[in-house]
Amino acid sequence: MIRVLLVDDQPLIRSGFRALLDLEDDIQIVAEAPDGEEGLALAQEHLPDVALIDIRMPVMDGIEATRRIAADPALAGVHVVILTNYGMDEYVFEALRAGAAGFLVKDIVPEDLLHAVRVAARGDALLAPSLTRKLIQRYVDQPLPTATDGVLAELTGREREAVALVAQGLSNDQIADRMVISPMTAKTHVNRAMTKLRTRDRAQLVVLAYETGLVVPNSR
């Protein structure tokens, strides 16, 4: 059973998402909150698998709520998916940097929402190639200060290669094909890289890959 927390200041949005998710046998809504502060408290109380969090709310916004969830070791199993009306803007990018597993636009079709919840609950990639392209474009348009390559010093050559492919939006199966290894080995490389780099998920791996210069915009 996938346990989900809904955090949005619009009751209509929450009720709509609840109505859809409640129809699924493998998904359970454990709590709802109208702002990030209450959402954080409920995350600590219920330990959901997935937290669907609006990016712009009163009291505490989604970015700060995501940052606090990501910083709490007790909430390491909570995968935050940001909800937004605005597409790939500065706020969404900052949420990914703060530790969100990905983002959904609120006009998403029901099938894509259900798929996203299940993908996030597994801890797998919630970064479609379209999102990855937008992340890349973000760096092209407004480059951020880059970190030093020393951040990647702990990675093996194969782990670096796997991270670079994650940053291109490839799944484990696609990484396995590209590296001529098994999907399980590809997943192992990615997971070890996340552990060494202290990233929660692939979204943060993508950001880190560009910040360190491991992958360069327009280099593909």
Protein backbone atom coordinates (compact mmCIF):
# COMPACT_ATOMS: atom_id res chain seq x y z
CA MET A 1 0.00 0.00 0.00
CA ILE A 2 1.36 3.42 -1.05
CA ARG A 3 0.73 5.99 1.68
CA VAL A 4 0.20 9.52 0.36
CA LEU A 5 0.12 12.94 2.06
CA LEU A 6 -1.67 15.80 0.25
CA VAL A 7 -0.49 19.36 0.98
CA ASP A 8 -2.28 22.17 -0.89
CA ASP A 9 -3.98 25.36 0.23
CA GLN A 10 -6.85 24.85 -2.24
CA PRO A 11 -9.51 22.49 -0.83
CA LEU A 12 -10.86 21.79 -4.31
CA ILE A 13 -7.46 20.58 -5.51
CA ARG A 14 -7.06 18.34 -2.47
CA SER A 15 -10.53 16.87 -2.83
CA GLY A 16 -10.00 16.22 -6.53
CA PHE A 17 -6.71 14.43 -5.97
CA ARG A 18 -8.18 12.48 -3.07
CA ALA A 19 -11.19 11.37 -5.14
CA LEU A 20 -8.89 10.06 -7.84
CA LEU A 21 -6.32 8.38 -5.60
CA ASP A 22 -8.96 6.81 -3.33
CA LEU A 23 -10.18 4.76 -6.29
CA GLU A 24 -6.90 2.84 -6.42
CA ASP A 25 -6.52 -0.35 -4.38
CA ASP A 26 -2.80 0.20 -3.80
CA ILE A 27 -2.93 3.88 -2.72
CA GLN A 28 -4.09 5.30 0.61
CA ILE A 29 -4.42 9.00 1.54
CA VAL A 30 -3.13 9.17 5.12
CA ALA A 31 -3.52 12.93 5.73
CA GLU A 32 -4.17 16.35 4.18
CA ALA A 33 -2.81 19.80 5.04
CA PRO A 34 -3.50 23.37 3.82
CA ASP A 35 0.08 24.63 4.23
CA GLY A 36 3.66 23.46 4.46
CA GLU A 37 4.00 23.81 8.20
CA GLU A 38 1.09 21.50 8.92
CA GLY A 39 2.21 19.25 6.09
CA LEU A 40 5.64 18.87 7.66
CA ALA A 41 4.09 17.95 11.01
CA LEU A 42 1.83 15.38 9.34
CA ALA A 43 4.77 13.93 7.41
CA GLN A 44 6.58 13.42 10.71
CA GLU A 45 3.47 11.83 12.23
CA HIS A 46 2.40 9.54 9.38
CA LEU A 47 5.66 8.88 7.49
CA PRO A 48 4.01 8.69 4.05
CA ASP A 49 5.73 7.14 1.05
CA VAL A 50 4.82 10.11 -1.15
CA ALA A 51 4.05 13.72 -0.24
CA LEU A 52 2.27 15.72 -2.95
CA ILE A 53 3.09 19.30 -2.00
CA ASP A 54 1.91 22.54 -3.60
CA ILE A 55 4.80 24.88 -4.34
CA ARG A 56 3.11 28.13 -3.29
CA MET A 57 1.18 28.18 0.00
CA PRO A 58 0.72 30.45 3.03
CA VAL A 59 2.54 29.96 6.35
CA MET A 60 5.25 27.74 4.81
CA ASP A 61 5.66 27.22 1.06
CA GLY A 62 6.42 23.96 -0.68
CA ILE A 63 10.11 24.69 -1.13
CA GLU A 64 10.74 25.18 2.58
CA ALA A 65 8.60 22.16 3.46
CA THR A 66 10.57 20.07 0.98
CA ARG A 67 13.88 21.35 2.34
CA ARG A 68 12.90 20.40 5.90
CA ILE A 69 11.66 16.97 4.90
CA ALA A 70 14.88 16.30 2.98
CA ALA A 71 16.99 17.43 5.95
CA ASP A 72 15.24 15.14 8.45
CA PRO A 73 16.82 11.65 8.57
CA ALA A 74 13.58 10.29 10.04
CA LEU A 75 11.81 11.30 6.80
CA ALA A 76 14.31 9.70 4.42
CA GLY A 77 11.58 7.44 3.04
CA VAL A 78 9.27 10.34 2.15
CA HIS A 79 9.43 11.19 -1.56
CA VAL A 80 8.23 14.73 -2.26
CA VAL A 81 6.47 15.49 -5.53
CA ILE A 82 5.89 19.19 -6.09
CA LEU A 83 2.54 20.40 -7.45
CA THR A 84 2.49 23.57 -9.52
CA ASN A 85 0.28 25.57 -11.85
CA TYR A 86 3.24 27.24 -13.46
CA GLY A 87 5.35 24.63 -15.20
CA MET A 88 9.14 24.73 -15.02
CA ASP A 89 9.83 28.05 -13.32
CA GLU A 90 12.43 29.22 -10.79
CA TYR A 91 10.37 27.92 -7.88
CA VAL A 92 10.18 24.41 -9.30
CA PHE A 93 13.91 24.38 -9.93
CA GLU A 94 14.62 25.45 -6.36
CA ALA A 95 12.28 22.73 -5.08
CA LEU A 96 14.26 20.11 -6.98
CA ARG A 97 17.45 21.50 -5.48
CA ALA A 98 15.82 21.35 -2.05
CA GLY A 99 15.17 17.63 -2.40
CA ALA A 100 11.95 17.07 -4.35
CA ALA A 101 11.79 13.88 -6.39
CA GLY A 102 10.07 15.68 -9.25
CA PHE A 103 7.11 17.86 -10.09
CA LEU A 104 3.63 17.65 -11.58
CA VAL A 105 1.58 20.38 -13.18
CA LYS A 106 -1.90 20.41 -11.63
CA ASP A 107 -3.68 19.93 -14.95
CA ILE A 108 -2.02 16.52 -15.31
CA VAL A 109 -4.22 13.75 -16.71
CA PRO A 110 -5.33 11.15 -14.11
CA GLU A 111 -3.29 8.31 -15.59
CA ASP A 112 -0.09 10.33 -15.36
CA LEU A 113 -0.80 11.29 -11.75
CA LEU A 114 -1.29 7.66 -10.73
CA HIS A 115 1.87 6.65 -12.59
CA ALA A 116 3.85 9.46 -10.93
CA VAL A 117 2.72 8.46 -7.44
CA ARG A 118 3.72 4.84 -8.02
CA VAL A 119 7.07 5.78 -9.56
CA ALA A 120 7.88 8.17 -6.70
CA ALA A 121 6.90 5.57 -4.10
CA ARG A 122 9.40 3.12 -5.60
CA GLY A 123 12.12 5.73 -5.37
CA ASP A 124 12.64 5.50 -9.13
CA ALA A 125 13.08 8.35 -11.59
CA LEU A 126 10.30 10.90 -11.80
CA LEU A 127 12.20 12.81 -14.44
CA ALA A 128 10.84 12.41 -17.92
CA PRO A 129 13.15 13.49 -20.75
CA SER A 130 10.94 16.58 -21.22
CA LEU A 131 11.67 17.68 -17.64
CA THR A 132 15.36 16.95 -18.07
CA ARG A 133 15.43 19.14 -21.18
CA LYS A 134 13.84 21.96 -19.19
CA LEU A 135 16.41 21.55 -16.45
CA ILE A 136 19.15 21.72 -19.05
CA GLN A 137 17.59 24.82 -20.60
CA ARG A 138 17.51 26.39 -17.13
CA TYR A 139 21.28 26.07 -16.97
CA VAL A 140 21.70 27.39 -20.51
CA ASP A 141 19.56 30.46 -19.84
CA GLN A 142 20.70 31.31 -16.31
CA PRO A 143 23.84 29.40 -15.32
CA LEU A 144 24.30 28.89 -11.60
CA PRO A 145 27.68 28.93 -9.85
CA THR A 146 29.22 25.51 -10.39
CA ALA A 147 30.64 23.28 -7.70
CA THR A 148 34.12 21.83 -7.95
CA ASP A 149 34.78 18.48 -9.54
CA GLY A 150 36.00 17.31 -6.13
CA VAL A 151 32.39 16.58 -5.26
CA LEU A 152 32.58 13.63 -7.67
CA ALA A 153 35.94 12.36 -6.44
CA GLU A 154 34.44 9.39 -4.58
CA LEU A 155 32.71 8.03 -7.68
CA THR A 156 34.17 5.27 -9.80
CA GLY A 157 34.40 5.80 -13.54
CA ARG A 158 31.34 3.62 -14.14
CA GLU A 159 29.37 5.48 -11.50
CA ARG A 160 30.22 8.79 -13.15
CA GLU A 161 29.10 7.38 -16.47
CA ALA A 162 25.81 6.25 -14.94
CA VAL A 163 25.20 9.66 -13.34
CA ALA A 164 25.84 11.39 -16.67
CA LEU A 165 23.26 9.14 -18.32
CA VAL A 166 20.75 9.81 -15.53
CA ALA A 167 21.24 13.50 -16.29
CA GLN A 168 20.20 12.79 -19.87
CA GLY A 169 16.89 11.40 -18.63
CA LEU A 170 17.66 7.72 -19.20
CA SER A 171 16.00 4.96 -17.19
CA ASN A 172 17.94 2.10 -15.60
CA ASP A 173 17.12 -0.14 -18.55
CA GLN A 174 18.34 2.49 -21.01
CA ILE A 175 21.50 3.06 -18.95
CA ALA A 176 22.11 -0.69 -18.97
CA ASP A 177 21.81 -0.78 -22.78
CA ARG A 178 24.16 2.18 -23.18
CA MET A 179 26.76 0.80 -20.76
CA VAL A 180 26.30 -2.82 -21.91
CA ILE A 181 25.51 -4.07 -18.41
CA SER A 182 22.47 -5.58 -16.70
CA PRO A 183 19.66 -3.33 -15.44
CA MET A 184 20.42 -4.47 -11.90
CA THR A 185 24.05 -3.42 -12.25
CA ALA A 186 22.94 -0.08 -13.69
CA LYS A 187 20.64 0.45 -10.73
CA THR A 188 23.49 -0.45 -8.37
CA HIS A 189 25.78 2.14 -9.98
CA VAL A 190 23.09 4.81 -9.67
CA ASN A 191 22.22 3.93 -6.07
CA ARG A 192 25.86 3.91 -5.01
CA ALA A 193 26.38 7.28 -6.65
CA MET A 194 23.38 8.70 -4.79
CA THR A 195 24.74 7.34 -1.51
CA LYS A 196 28.23 8.75 -2.08
CA LEU A 197 26.91 12.12 -3.24
CA ARG A 198 24.29 12.22 -0.47
CA THR A 199 21.45 12.87 -2.90
CA ARG A 200 17.95 11.64 -2.18
CA ASP A 201 16.96 10.76 -5.73
CA ARG A 202 17.60 11.19 -9.44
CA ALA A 203 16.29 14.74 -9.53
CA GLN A 204 19.15 15.85 -7.29
CA LEU A 205 21.58 13.74 -9.33
CA VAL A 206 20.57 15.65 -12.46
CA VAL A 207 21.07 19.00 -10.75
CA LEU A 208 24.44 17.91 -9.34
CA ALA A 209 25.61 16.58 -12.71
CA TYR A 210 25.20 20.04 -14.24
CA GLU A 211 26.48 21.97 -11.24
CA THR A 212 29.72 20.00 -11.22
CA GLY A 213 30.19 20.16 -14.98
CA LEU A 214 29.96 16.37 -15.36
CA VAL A 215 27.37 17.10 -18.03
CA VAL A 216 27.46 20.34 -19.99
CA PRO A 217 24.33 21.92 -21.52
CA ASN A 218 24.12 21.44 -25.28
CA SER A 219 26.90 18.84 -25.13
CA ARG A 220 24.62 16.00 -26.23
